[in-house]
Amino acid sequence: MPPRSRTRSVATGFSLEGIFQVMFDAAKNSLQQNVRSKWPKIRDLTTASIKDIAQNFIDIKELSDSGAITQEQAKLKISLQKNAFQTMLLTEKGIGLIIVEDALNSALNAVKKVVNTAVGFVLI
């Protein structure tokens, strides 16, 4: 059986493009509400960080299905990605931790159900 494409849907409603877009829209809405004037400067950082997290969800699903990763390892992997997201956005002057956490939580909450269902355990 050939390996799955990173962009192919791995479960109903669970694809890299789908997860990314939902997360990006949620984070963008949150950030624009809180720091509209900063959005043009942080758009690329937000995009890259959300893509990384979305790709990790896809990877975790595949690794979990094959038994190559434990739930604990998966949760640690996502924790590291969440920290990277926060660190990247906090590099922009004038954006505080609460604003960054709100954007991150908005993005994660937007895909929580579909991700947790796809991986078969509470990841988010």
C-alpha atoms as a PDB file:
ATOM      1  CA  MET A   1       0.000   0.000   0.000  1.00  0.00           C
ATOM      2  CA  PRO A   2       1.510   3.380  -0.976  1.00  0.00           C
ATOM      3  CA  PRO A   3       2.085   5.995   1.712  1.00  0.00           C
ATOM      4  CA  ARG A   4      -0.627   8.563   2.139  1.00  0.00           C
ATOM      5  CA  SER A   5      -0.192  11.971   0.612  1.00  0.00           C
ATOM      6  CA  ARG A   6       0.251  14.725   3.178  1.00  0.00           C
ATOM      7  CA  THR A   7      -2.564  16.663   1.584  1.00  0.00           C
ATOM      8  CA  ARG A   8      -5.017  13.827   1.018  1.00  0.00           C
ATOM      9  CA  SER A   9      -7.994  13.575   3.327  1.00  0.00           C
ATOM     10  CA  VAL A  10      -7.233  10.958   5.980  1.00  0.00           C
ATOM     11  CA  ALA A  11     -10.720  10.969   7.484  1.00  0.00           C
ATOM     12  CA  THR A  12     -13.964  12.715   6.797  1.00  0.00           C
ATOM     13  CA  GLY A  13     -13.309  16.434   7.182  1.00  0.00           C
ATOM     14  CA  PHE A  14      -9.686  15.793   8.090  1.00  0.00           C
ATOM     15  CA  SER A  15      -7.256  17.105   5.502  1.00  0.00           C
ATOM     16  CA  LEU A  16      -4.303  19.432   5.709  1.00  0.00           C
ATOM     17  CA  GLU A  17      -6.035  22.071   3.609  1.00  0.00           C
ATOM     18  CA  GLY A  18      -9.271  21.841   5.587  1.00  0.00           C
ATOM     19  CA  ILE A  19      -7.654  21.903   9.017  1.00  0.00           C
ATOM     20  CA  PHE A  20      -5.330  24.738   8.005  1.00  0.00           C
ATOM     21  CA  GLN A  21      -8.093  26.923   6.578  1.00  0.00           C
ATOM     22  CA  VAL A  22     -10.387  26.556   9.596  1.00  0.00           C
ATOM     23  CA  MET A  23      -7.535  27.252  12.012  1.00  0.00           C
ATOM     24  CA  PHE A  24      -6.211  30.168   9.972  1.00  0.00           C
ATOM     25  CA  ASP A  25      -9.631  31.814   9.727  1.00  0.00           C
ATOM     26  CA  ALA A  26     -10.200  31.496  13.474  1.00  0.00           C
ATOM     27  CA  ALA A  27      -6.755  32.878  14.361  1.00  0.00           C
ATOM     28  CA  LYS A  28      -7.085  35.689  11.808  1.00  0.00           C
ATOM     29  CA  ASN A  29     -10.471  36.735  13.194  1.00  0.00           C
ATOM     30  CA  SER A  30      -9.117  36.754  16.721  1.00  0.00           C
ATOM     31  CA  LEU A  31      -6.003  38.713  15.823  1.00  0.00           C
ATOM     32  CA  GLN A  32      -7.878  41.222  13.698  1.00  0.00           C
ATOM     33  CA  GLN A  33     -10.269  41.893  16.559  1.00  0.00           C
ATOM     34  CA  ASN A  34      -7.408  42.495  18.967  1.00  0.00           C
ATOM     35  CA  VAL A  35      -4.607  43.991  16.873  1.00  0.00           C
ATOM     36  CA  ARG A  36      -6.045  44.909  13.481  1.00  0.00           C
ATOM     37  CA  SER A  37      -3.195  47.280  12.681  1.00  0.00           C
ATOM     38  CA  LYS A  38      -0.616  44.522  13.223  1.00  0.00           C
ATOM     39  CA  TRP A  39      -2.306  41.938  10.962  1.00  0.00           C
ATOM     40  CA  PRO A  40      -0.319  42.779   7.801  1.00  0.00           C
ATOM     41  CA  LYS A  41       2.943  42.363   9.739  1.00  0.00           C
ATOM     42  CA  ILE A  42       1.992  39.073  11.416  1.00  0.00           C
ATOM     43  CA  ARG A  43       0.068  37.435   8.564  1.00  0.00           C
ATOM     44  CA  ASP A  44       3.053  35.455   7.275  1.00  0.00           C
ATOM     45  CA  LEU A  45       4.097  34.365  10.778  1.00  0.00           C
ATOM     46  CA  THR A  46       0.547  33.281  11.529  1.00  0.00           C
ATOM     47  CA  THR A  47       0.249  31.400   8.252  1.00  0.00           C
ATOM     48  CA  ALA A  48       3.504  29.506   8.757  1.00  0.00           C
ATOM     49  CA  SER A  49       2.743  28.656  12.376  1.00  0.00           C
ATOM     50  CA  ILE A  50      -0.789  27.443  11.626  1.00  0.00           C
ATOM     51  CA  LYS A  51       0.498  25.334   8.706  1.00  0.00           C
ATOM     52  CA  ASP A  52       3.009  23.688  11.045  1.00  0.00           C
ATOM     53  CA  ILE A  53       0.343  22.850  13.612  1.00  0.00           C
ATOM     54  CA  ALA A  54      -2.082  21.563  10.960  1.00  0.00           C
ATOM     55  CA  GLN A  55       0.635  19.391   9.409  1.00  0.00           C
ATOM     56  CA  ASN A  56       1.434  17.995  12.847  1.00  0.00           C
ATOM     57  CA  PHE A  57      -2.207  16.967  13.289  1.00  0.00           C
ATOM     58  CA  ILE A  58      -2.046  15.059   9.991  1.00  0.00           C
ATOM     59  CA  ASP A  59       1.290  13.485  10.931  1.00  0.00           C
ATOM     60  CA  ILE A  60       0.039  12.483  14.372  1.00  0.00           C
ATOM     61  CA  LYS A  61      -3.009  10.797  12.846  1.00  0.00           C
ATOM     62  CA  GLU A  62      -0.816   8.773  10.504  1.00  0.00           C
ATOM     63  CA  LEU A  63       1.762   7.933  13.192  1.00  0.00           C
ATOM     64  CA  SER A  64      -0.947   7.001  15.674  1.00  0.00           C
ATOM     65  CA  ASP A  65      -2.675   4.752  13.143  1.00  0.00           C
ATOM     66  CA  SER A  66       0.591   2.910  12.534  1.00  0.00           C
ATOM     67  CA  GLY A  67       1.442   2.665  16.238  1.00  0.00           C
ATOM     68  CA  ALA A  68       4.583   4.760  15.795  1.00  0.00           C
ATOM     69  CA  ILE A  69       3.575   7.411  18.332  1.00  0.00           C
ATOM     70  CA  THR A  70       1.910   7.250  21.731  1.00  0.00           C
ATOM     71  CA  GLN A  71      -0.764   9.618  22.983  1.00  0.00           C
ATOM     72  CA  GLU A  72       1.768  11.150  25.346  1.00  0.00           C
ATOM     73  CA  GLN A  73       4.257  11.738  22.532  1.00  0.00           C
ATOM     74  CA  ALA A  74       1.520  13.225  20.342  1.00  0.00           C
ATOM     75  CA  LYS A  75       0.460  15.622  23.076  1.00  0.00           C
ATOM     76  CA  LEU A  76       4.078  16.681  23.622  1.00  0.00           C
ATOM     77  CA  LYS A  77       4.495  17.282  19.884  1.00  0.00           C
ATOM     78  CA  ILE A  78       1.450  19.575  19.835  1.00  0.00           C
ATOM     79  CA  SER A  79       2.588  21.331  23.002  1.00  0.00           C
ATOM     80  CA  LEU A  80       5.873  22.184  21.293  1.00  0.00           C
ATOM     81  CA  GLN A  81       3.998  23.530  18.265  1.00  0.00           C
ATOM     82  CA  LYS A  82       1.756  25.654  20.479  1.00  0.00           C
ATOM     83  CA  ASN A  83       4.830  27.126  22.158  1.00  0.00           C
ATOM     84  CA  ALA A  84       6.407  27.831  18.766  1.00  0.00           C
ATOM     85  CA  PHE A  85       3.227  29.641  17.646  1.00  0.00           C
ATOM     86  CA  GLN A  86       3.287  31.806  20.760  1.00  0.00           C
ATOM     87  CA  THR A  87       6.989  32.554  20.442  1.00  0.00           C
ATOM     88  CA  MET A  88       6.694  33.541  16.777  1.00  0.00           C
ATOM     89  CA  LEU A  89       3.826  35.971  17.342  1.00  0.00           C
ATOM     90  CA  LEU A  90       5.311  37.433  20.497  1.00  0.00           C
ATOM     91  CA  THR A  91       8.296  38.616  18.460  1.00  0.00           C
ATOM     92  CA  GLU A  92       6.052  41.357  17.027  1.00  0.00           C
ATOM     93  CA  LYS A  93       6.223  44.437  19.229  1.00  0.00           C
ATOM     94  CA  GLY A  94       2.889  45.389  20.764  1.00  0.00           C
ATOM     95  CA  ILE A  95       1.338  41.925  20.776  1.00  0.00           C
ATOM     96  CA  GLY A  96       0.900  40.505  24.247  1.00  0.00           C
ATOM     97  CA  LEU A  97       0.600  36.980  25.517  1.00  0.00           C
ATOM     98  CA  ILE A  98      -3.155  37.171  26.126  1.00  0.00           C
ATOM     99  CA  ILE A  99      -3.772  38.205  22.507  1.00  0.00           C
ATOM    100  CA  VAL A 100      -1.550  35.406  21.216  1.00  0.00           C
ATOM    101  CA  GLU A 101      -3.174  32.830  23.496  1.00  0.00           C
ATOM    102  CA  ASP A 102      -6.616  33.970  22.391  1.00  0.00           C
ATOM    103  CA  ALA A 103      -5.671  33.511  18.728  1.00  0.00           C
ATOM    104  CA  LEU A 104      -4.166  30.090  19.414  1.00  0.00           C
ATOM    105  CA  ASN A 105      -7.136  28.943  21.476  1.00  0.00           C
ATOM    106  CA  SER A 106      -9.532  30.170  18.783  1.00  0.00           C
ATOM    107  CA  ALA A 107      -7.638  28.196  16.138  1.00  0.00           C
ATOM    108  CA  LEU A 108      -7.473  25.030  18.224  1.00  0.00           C
ATOM    109  CA  ASN A 109     -11.082  25.190  19.376  1.00  0.00           C
ATOM    110  CA  ALA A 110     -12.192  25.545  15.755  1.00  0.00           C
ATOM    111  CA  VAL A 111     -10.758  22.099  14.887  1.00  0.00           C
ATOM    112  CA  LYS A 112     -10.875  20.388  18.263  1.00  0.00           C
ATOM    113  CA  LYS A 113     -13.752  18.016  17.532  1.00  0.00           C
ATOM    114  CA  VAL A 114     -12.583  16.920  14.085  1.00  0.00           C
ATOM    115  CA  VAL A 115      -8.965  16.440  15.198  1.00  0.00           C
ATOM    116  CA  ASN A 116      -9.808  14.532  18.380  1.00  0.00           C
ATOM    117  CA  THR A 117     -12.248  12.326  16.455  1.00  0.00           C
ATOM    118  CA  ALA A 118      -9.720  11.651  13.696  1.00  0.00           C
ATOM    119  CA  VAL A 119      -6.863  10.699  16.032  1.00  0.00           C
ATOM    120  CA  GLY A 120      -9.142   8.703  18.329  1.00  0.00           C
ATOM    121  CA  PHE A 121      -8.125  10.389  21.574  1.00  0.00           C
ATOM    122  CA  VAL A 122      -8.186  13.822  23.218  1.00  0.00           C
ATOM    123  CA  LEU A 123      -5.246  15.611  21.631  1.00  0.00           C
ATOM    124  CA  ILE A 124      -6.569  19.161  21.930  1.00  0.00           C
END
